[in-house]
PDB file of N, CA and C in Angstrom:
ATOM      1  N   MET A   1       9.941 -28.751  -5.397  1.00  0.00           N
ATOM      2  CA  MET A   1       9.943 -27.323  -5.816  1.00  0.00           C
ATOM      3  C   MET A   1      10.705 -25.962  -5.066  1.00  0.00           C
ATOM      4  N   PRO A   2      11.732 -25.844  -5.438  1.00  0.00           N
ATOM      5  CA  PRO A   2      12.838 -24.966  -4.854  1.00  0.00           C
ATOM      6  C   PRO A   2      12.130 -23.439  -4.791  1.00  0.00           C
ATOM      7  N   LEU A   3      12.673 -23.024  -3.777  1.00  0.00           N
ATOM      8  CA  LEU A   3      12.439 -22.042  -2.643  1.00  0.00           C
ATOM      9  C   LEU A   3      13.349 -20.813  -3.143  1.00  0.00           C
ATOM     10  N   THR A   4      12.882 -19.895  -3.269  1.00  0.00           N
ATOM     11  CA  THR A   4      13.717 -19.032  -3.184  1.00  0.00           C
ATOM     12  C   THR A   4      14.393 -17.974  -1.821  1.00  0.00           C
ATOM     13  N   ALA A   5      15.430 -17.677  -1.937  1.00  0.00           N
ATOM     14  CA  ALA A   5      15.904 -16.946  -0.233  1.00  0.00           C
ATOM     15  C   ALA A   5      15.445 -15.442  -0.318  1.00  0.00           C
ATOM     16  N   TYR A   6      14.594 -15.146   0.379  1.00  0.00           N
ATOM     17  CA  TYR A   6      14.394 -13.591   0.404  1.00  0.00           C
ATOM     18  C   TYR A   6      15.655 -13.016   1.711  1.00  0.00           C
ATOM     19  N   ALA A   7      15.761 -12.075   1.670  1.00  0.00           N
ATOM     20  CA  ALA A   7      16.292 -10.928   3.044  1.00  0.00           C
ATOM     21  C   ALA A   7      15.156 -10.503   3.859  1.00  0.00           C
ATOM     22  N   LEU A   8      14.694 -10.954   4.971  1.00  0.00           N
ATOM     23  CA  LEU A   8      13.889 -10.232   5.815  1.00  0.00           C
ATOM     24  C   LEU A   8      13.899  -8.749   5.577  1.00  0.00           C
ATOM     25  N   ASN A   9      14.540  -8.104   5.577  1.00  0.00           N
ATOM     26  CA  ASN A   9      14.886  -6.639   5.341  1.00  0.00           C
ATOM     27  C   ASN A   9      13.798  -6.418   3.707  1.00  0.00           C
ATOM     28  N   ALA A  10      14.052  -6.654   3.196  1.00  0.00           N
ATOM     29  CA  ALA A  10      13.583  -7.281   1.445  1.00  0.00           C
ATOM     30  C   ALA A  10      11.718  -7.282   1.480  1.00  0.00           C
ATOM     31  N   ILE A  11      11.457  -7.940   2.292  1.00  0.00           N
ATOM     32  CA  ILE A  11       9.552  -7.883   2.528  1.00  0.00           C
ATOM     33  C   ILE A  11       9.211  -6.791   3.568  1.00  0.00           C
ATOM     34  N   LEU A  12       9.767  -6.897   4.544  1.00  0.00           N
ATOM     35  CA  LEU A  12       9.107  -6.540   5.420  1.00  0.00           C
ATOM     36  C   LEU A  12       9.881  -5.501   5.625  1.00  0.00           C
ATOM     37  N   ILE A  13       8.975  -4.184   6.155  1.00  0.00           N
ATOM     38  CA  ILE A  13       9.823  -2.509   6.002  1.00  0.00           C
ATOM     39  C   ILE A  13       9.745  -2.288   7.678  1.00  0.00           C
ATOM     40  N   VAL A  14      10.757  -1.538   8.136  1.00  0.00           N
ATOM     41  CA  VAL A  14      11.072  -1.448   9.475  1.00  0.00           C
ATOM     42  C   VAL A  14      10.592   0.008   9.834  1.00  0.00           C
ATOM     43  N   VAL A  15       9.464   0.215  10.552  1.00  0.00           N
ATOM     44  CA  VAL A  15       9.284   1.892  10.746  1.00  0.00           C
ATOM     45  C   VAL A  15       8.860   2.205  12.327  1.00  0.00           C
ATOM     46  N   GLY A  16       9.240   1.565  13.122  1.00  0.00           N
ATOM     47  CA  GLY A  16      10.321   2.183  14.224  1.00  0.00           C
ATOM     48  C   GLY A  16      11.017   0.449  15.048  1.00  0.00           C
ATOM     49  N   GLU A  17      11.642   0.619  15.919  1.00  0.00           N
ATOM     50  CA  GLU A  17      12.697  -0.044  16.965  1.00  0.00           C
ATOM     51  C   GLU A  17      11.767  -1.249  16.879  1.00  0.00           C
ATOM     52  N   ASP A  18      10.680  -1.666  16.796  1.00  0.00           N
ATOM     53  CA  ASP A  18       9.830  -2.794  17.095  1.00  0.00           C
ATOM     54  C   ASP A  18       8.835  -2.938  16.125  1.00  0.00           C
ATOM     55  N   ALA A  19       8.753  -2.392  15.542  1.00  0.00           N
ATOM     56  CA  ALA A  19       7.602  -2.239  14.693  1.00  0.00           C
ATOM     57  C   ALA A  19       8.022  -2.694  12.793  1.00  0.00           C
ATOM     58  N   TRP A  20       7.343  -3.643  12.498  1.00  0.00           N
ATOM     59  CA  TRP A  20       7.210  -4.365  11.479  1.00  0.00           C
ATOM     60  C   TRP A  20       6.189  -4.472  10.254  1.00  0.00           C
ATOM     61  N   PHE A  21       5.982  -4.138   8.966  1.00  0.00           N
ATOM     62  CA  PHE A  21       5.013  -4.378   8.737  1.00  0.00           C
ATOM     63  C   PHE A  21       5.412  -4.658   7.209  1.00  0.00           C
ATOM     64  N   MET A  22       4.493  -5.528   6.661  1.00  0.00           N
ATOM     65  CA  MET A  22       4.312  -6.770   5.276  1.00  0.00           C
ATOM     66  C   MET A  22       4.290  -5.607   4.044  1.00  0.00           C
ATOM     67  N   ALA A  23       5.149  -4.991   3.105  1.00  0.00           N
ATOM     68  CA  ALA A  23       4.397  -4.491   1.924  1.00  0.00           C
ATOM     69  C   ALA A  23       3.569  -4.552   1.025  1.00  0.00           C
ATOM     70  N   THR A  24       2.634  -4.332   0.623  1.00  0.00           N
ATOM     71  CA  THR A  24       1.742  -4.833   0.670  1.00  0.00           C
ATOM     72  C   THR A  24       1.214  -4.310  -1.592  1.00  0.00           C
ATOM     73  N   GLU A  25       1.171  -5.400  -1.752  1.00  0.00           N
ATOM     74  CA  GLU A  25       1.506  -4.812  -3.996  1.00  0.00           C
ATOM     75  C   GLU A  25      -0.275  -4.708  -3.533  1.00  0.00           C
ATOM     76  N   ILE A  26      -0.501  -3.530  -4.570  1.00  0.00           N
ATOM     77  CA  ILE A  26      -1.207  -2.871  -5.159  1.00  0.00           C
ATOM     78  C   ILE A  26      -2.409  -3.034  -6.068  1.00  0.00           C
ATOM     79  N   ILE A  27      -3.474  -4.054  -6.196  1.00  0.00           N
ATOM     80  CA  ILE A  27      -4.014  -4.100  -7.581  1.00  0.00           C
ATOM     81  C   ILE A  27      -5.204  -3.079  -8.407  1.00  0.00           C
ATOM     82  N   MET A  28      -4.715  -2.659  -9.147  1.00  0.00           N
ATOM     83  CA  MET A  28      -5.808  -1.677  -9.808  1.00  0.00           C
ATOM     84  C   MET A  28      -6.364  -2.164 -11.065  1.00  0.00           C
ATOM     85  N   THR A  29      -8.111  -1.977 -10.683  1.00  0.00           N
ATOM     86  CA  THR A  29      -9.248  -3.001 -11.610  1.00  0.00           C
ATOM     87  C   THR A  29      -9.535  -1.216 -13.016  1.00  0.00           C
ATOM     88  N   ASP A  30      -9.356  -1.903 -14.300  1.00  0.00           N
ATOM     89  CA  ASP A  30      -9.968  -0.470 -14.882  1.00  0.00           C
ATOM     90  C   ASP A  30     -11.188   0.155 -14.272  1.00  0.00           C
ATOM     91  N   GLN A  31     -11.521  -0.083 -13.730  1.00  0.00           N
ATOM     92  CA  GLN A  31     -12.999   0.777 -12.818  1.00  0.00           C
ATOM     93  C   GLN A  31     -12.512   1.291 -11.869  1.00  0.00           C
ATOM     94  N   PHE A  32     -11.532   1.268 -11.606  1.00  0.00           N
ATOM     95  CA  PHE A  32     -10.705   1.864 -10.500  1.00  0.00           C
ATOM     96  C   PHE A  32      -9.991   2.915 -11.103  1.00  0.00           C
ATOM     97  N   ILE A  33      -9.175   2.527 -12.123  1.00  0.00           N
ATOM     98  CA  ILE A  33      -8.548   4.080 -12.981  1.00  0.00           C
ATOM     99  C   ILE A  33      -9.299   4.619 -13.552  1.00  0.00           C
ATOM    100  N   ASP A  34     -10.561   4.249 -13.916  1.00  0.00           N
ATOM    101  CA  ASP A  34     -11.230   5.018 -14.642  1.00  0.00           C
ATOM    102  C   ASP A  34     -12.444   5.984 -14.052  1.00  0.00           C
ATOM    103  N   TRP A  35     -12.283   5.777 -12.167  1.00  0.00           N
ATOM    104  CA  TRP A  35     -13.084   6.644 -11.267  1.00  0.00           C
ATOM    105  C   TRP A  35     -11.266   7.104 -11.126  1.00  0.00           C
ATOM    106  N   TYR A  36     -10.711   6.951 -11.069  1.00  0.00           N
ATOM    107  CA  TYR A  36      -9.220   7.528 -10.318  1.00  0.00           C
ATOM    108  C   TYR A  36      -9.285   8.956 -11.241  1.00  0.00           C
ATOM    109  N   HIS A  37      -8.816   8.940 -12.760  1.00  0.00           N
ATOM    110  CA  HIS A  37      -8.769   9.685 -13.838  1.00  0.00           C
ATOM    111  C   HIS A  37     -10.291  10.400 -13.631  1.00  0.00           C
ATOM    112  N   SER A  38     -11.557  10.556 -13.461  1.00  0.00           N
ATOM    113  CA  SER A  38     -12.177  11.258 -13.479  1.00  0.00           C
ATOM    114  C   SER A  38     -12.182  12.234 -11.568  1.00  0.00           C
ATOM    115  N   LEU A  39     -11.308  12.050 -11.168  1.00  0.00           N
ATOM    116  CA  LEU A  39     -11.145  12.632  -9.875  1.00  0.00           C
ATOM    117  C   LEU A  39     -10.643  14.174 -10.183  1.00  0.00           C
ATOM    118  N   ASP A  40     -10.895  15.066  -9.904  1.00  0.00           N
ATOM    119  CA  ASP A  40     -10.052  16.345  -9.349  1.00  0.00           C
ATOM    120  C   ASP A  40      -8.642  16.429  -8.828  1.00  0.00           C
ATOM    121  N   GLU A  41      -8.036  17.215  -9.023  1.00  0.00           N
ATOM    122  CA  GLU A  41      -6.707  17.120  -8.380  1.00  0.00           C
ATOM    123  C   GLU A  41      -6.602  16.933  -6.621  1.00  0.00           C
ATOM    124  N   LYS A  42      -6.995  17.628  -5.952  1.00  0.00           N
ATOM    125  CA  LYS A  42      -7.229  17.399  -4.866  1.00  0.00           C
ATOM    126  C   LYS A  42      -7.956  15.692  -4.314  1.00  0.00           C
ATOM    127  N   ASP A  43      -8.324  15.314  -5.261  1.00  0.00           N
ATOM    128  CA  ASP A  43      -8.976  14.442  -4.074  1.00  0.00           C
ATOM    129  C   ASP A  43      -8.035  13.147  -5.239  1.00  0.00           C
ATOM    130  N   ALA A  44      -7.539  13.604  -6.584  1.00  0.00           N
ATOM    131  CA  ALA A  44      -6.301  11.989  -6.468  1.00  0.00           C
ATOM    132  C   ALA A  44      -5.091  12.310  -5.588  1.00  0.00           C
ATOM    133  N   ASP A  45      -4.688  13.592  -5.139  1.00  0.00           N
ATOM    134  CA  ASP A  45      -3.829  13.341  -4.071  1.00  0.00           C
ATOM    135  C   ASP A  45      -3.963  13.118  -2.977  1.00  0.00           C
ATOM    136  N   ALA A  46      -5.564  13.086  -2.695  1.00  0.00           N
ATOM    137  CA  ALA A  46      -5.499  12.368  -1.436  1.00  0.00           C
ATOM    138  C   ALA A  46      -5.752  10.306  -1.329  1.00  0.00           C
ATOM    139  N   VAL A  47      -6.230  10.598  -2.653  1.00  0.00           N
ATOM    140  CA  VAL A  47      -5.863   8.887  -2.963  1.00  0.00           C
ATOM    141  C   VAL A  47      -4.577   8.477  -3.078  1.00  0.00           C
ATOM    142  N   GLU A  48      -3.655   8.873  -3.727  1.00  0.00           N
ATOM    143  CA  GLU A  48      -2.778   8.193  -3.953  1.00  0.00           C
ATOM    144  C   GLU A  48      -2.083   8.314  -1.878  1.00  0.00           C
ATOM    145  N   PHE A  49      -2.353   9.097  -1.846  1.00  0.00           N
ATOM    146  CA  PHE A  49      -2.109   9.117  -0.208  1.00  0.00           C
ATOM    147  C   PHE A  49      -1.711   8.297   0.614  1.00  0.00           C
ATOM    148  N   SER A  50      -3.045   8.002   0.380  1.00  0.00           N
ATOM    149  CA  SER A  50      -3.872   6.625   1.208  1.00  0.00           C
ATOM    150  C   SER A  50      -3.223   5.471   0.561  1.00  0.00           C
ATOM    151  N   LEU A  51      -3.473   5.624  -1.026  1.00  0.00           N
ATOM    152  CA  LEU A  51      -2.747   4.502  -1.746  1.00  0.00           C
ATOM    153  C   LEU A  51      -1.191   3.857  -0.958  1.00  0.00           C
ATOM    154  N   GLY A  52      -0.538   5.028  -0.766  1.00  0.00           N
ATOM    155  CA  GLY A  52       0.820   4.951  -0.292  1.00  0.00           C
ATOM    156  C   GLY A  52       0.868   4.486   0.939  1.00  0.00           C
ATOM    157  N   LEU A  53       0.034   4.732   1.611  1.00  0.00           N
ATOM    158  CA  LEU A  53      -0.112   4.355   3.050  1.00  0.00           C
ATOM    159  C   LEU A  53      -0.121   2.551   3.161  1.00  0.00           C
ATOM    160  N   LEU A  54      -1.623   2.707   2.419  1.00  0.00           N
ATOM    161  CA  LEU A  54      -1.711   0.662   2.096  1.00  0.00           C
ATOM    162  C   LEU A  54      -0.898   0.225   1.655  1.00  0.00           C
ATOM    163  N   GLU A  55      -0.102   0.467   0.532  1.00  0.00           N
ATOM    164  CA  GLU A  55       0.987  -0.241   0.075  1.00  0.00           C
ATOM    165  C   GLU A  55       2.485  -0.203   1.361  1.00  0.00           C
ATOM    166  N   GLN A  56       2.336   0.617   2.016  1.00  0.00           N
ATOM    167  CA  GLN A  56       3.528   0.360   2.742  1.00  0.00           C
ATOM    168  C   GLN A  56       3.362  -0.463   3.957  1.00  0.00           C
ATOM    169  N   PHE A  57       2.097  -0.220   5.004  1.00  0.00           N
ATOM    170  CA  PHE A  57       1.480  -0.470   6.075  1.00  0.00           C
ATOM    171  C   PHE A  57       0.564  -1.969   5.391  1.00  0.00           C
ATOM    172  N   GLY A  58       0.273  -2.063   4.454  1.00  0.00           N
ATOM    173  CA  GLY A  58      -0.505  -3.198   4.326  1.00  0.00           C
ATOM    174  C   GLY A  58      -1.954  -2.975   5.386  1.00  0.00           C
ATOM    175  N   VAL A  59      -2.134  -4.384   5.335  1.00  0.00           N
ATOM    176  CA  VAL A  59      -3.514  -4.611   6.679  1.00  0.00           C
ATOM    177  C   VAL A  59      -3.383  -4.241   7.836  1.00  0.00           C
ATOM    178  N   THR A  60      -2.094  -3.694   8.625  1.00  0.00           N
ATOM    179  CA  THR A  60      -2.313  -3.315   9.241  1.00  0.00           C
ATOM    180  C   THR A  60      -2.938  -1.598   9.315  1.00  0.00           C
ATOM    181  N   LEU A  61      -3.116  -1.377   8.108  1.00  0.00           N
ATOM    182  CA  LEU A  61      -3.026   0.038   8.113  1.00  0.00           C
ATOM    183  C   LEU A  61      -4.762   0.327   8.473  1.00  0.00           C
ATOM    184  N   GLY A  62      -4.722   1.686   9.525  1.00  0.00           N
ATOM    185  CA  GLY A  62      -6.518   2.204  10.495  1.00  0.00           C
ATOM    186  C   GLY A  62      -7.178   3.382   9.298  1.00  0.00           C
ATOM    187  N   ALA A  63      -7.939   3.002  10.248  1.00  0.00           N
ATOM    188  CA  ALA A  63      -9.158   4.069   9.140  1.00  0.00           C
ATOM    189  C   ALA A  63      -8.448   5.391  10.170  1.00  0.00           C
ATOM    190  N   PRO A  64      -8.488   6.460   9.073  1.00  0.00           N
ATOM    191  CA  PRO A  64      -9.987   6.253   8.126  1.00  0.00           C
ATOM    192  C   PRO A  64      -8.942   6.509   6.572  1.00  0.00           C
ATOM    193  N   HIS A  65      -7.958   5.985   6.425  1.00  0.00           N
ATOM    194  CA  HIS A  65      -7.231   5.189   4.997  1.00  0.00           C
ATOM    195  C   HIS A  65      -7.324   4.155   4.614  1.00  0.00           C
ATOM    196  N   SER A  66      -7.966   3.268   5.273  1.00  0.00           N
ATOM    197  CA  SER A  66      -8.029   1.718   5.031  1.00  0.00           C
ATOM    198  C   SER A  66      -9.511   1.430   4.712  1.00  0.00           C
ATOM    199  N   SER A  67     -10.744   2.401   4.649  1.00  0.00           N
ATOM    200  CA  SER A  67     -11.981   2.354   4.613  1.00  0.00           C
ATOM    201  C   SER A  67     -12.510   2.747   2.689  1.00  0.00           C
TER     202      SER A  67
END
């Protein structure tokens, strides 16, 4: 099976001088989307902020945004 060559900086995000994090794809279910649409603007903004952090930092994201 042929493999695709990727540049390391296209897969990993440089956060600091020695800190690298793998970007994470977030998959949303229909149930999540229905719940999200039921939120008021303030709560929806908070969820979007946490999702952005999760997408950027992946499994290395700590609490409270990871829970």
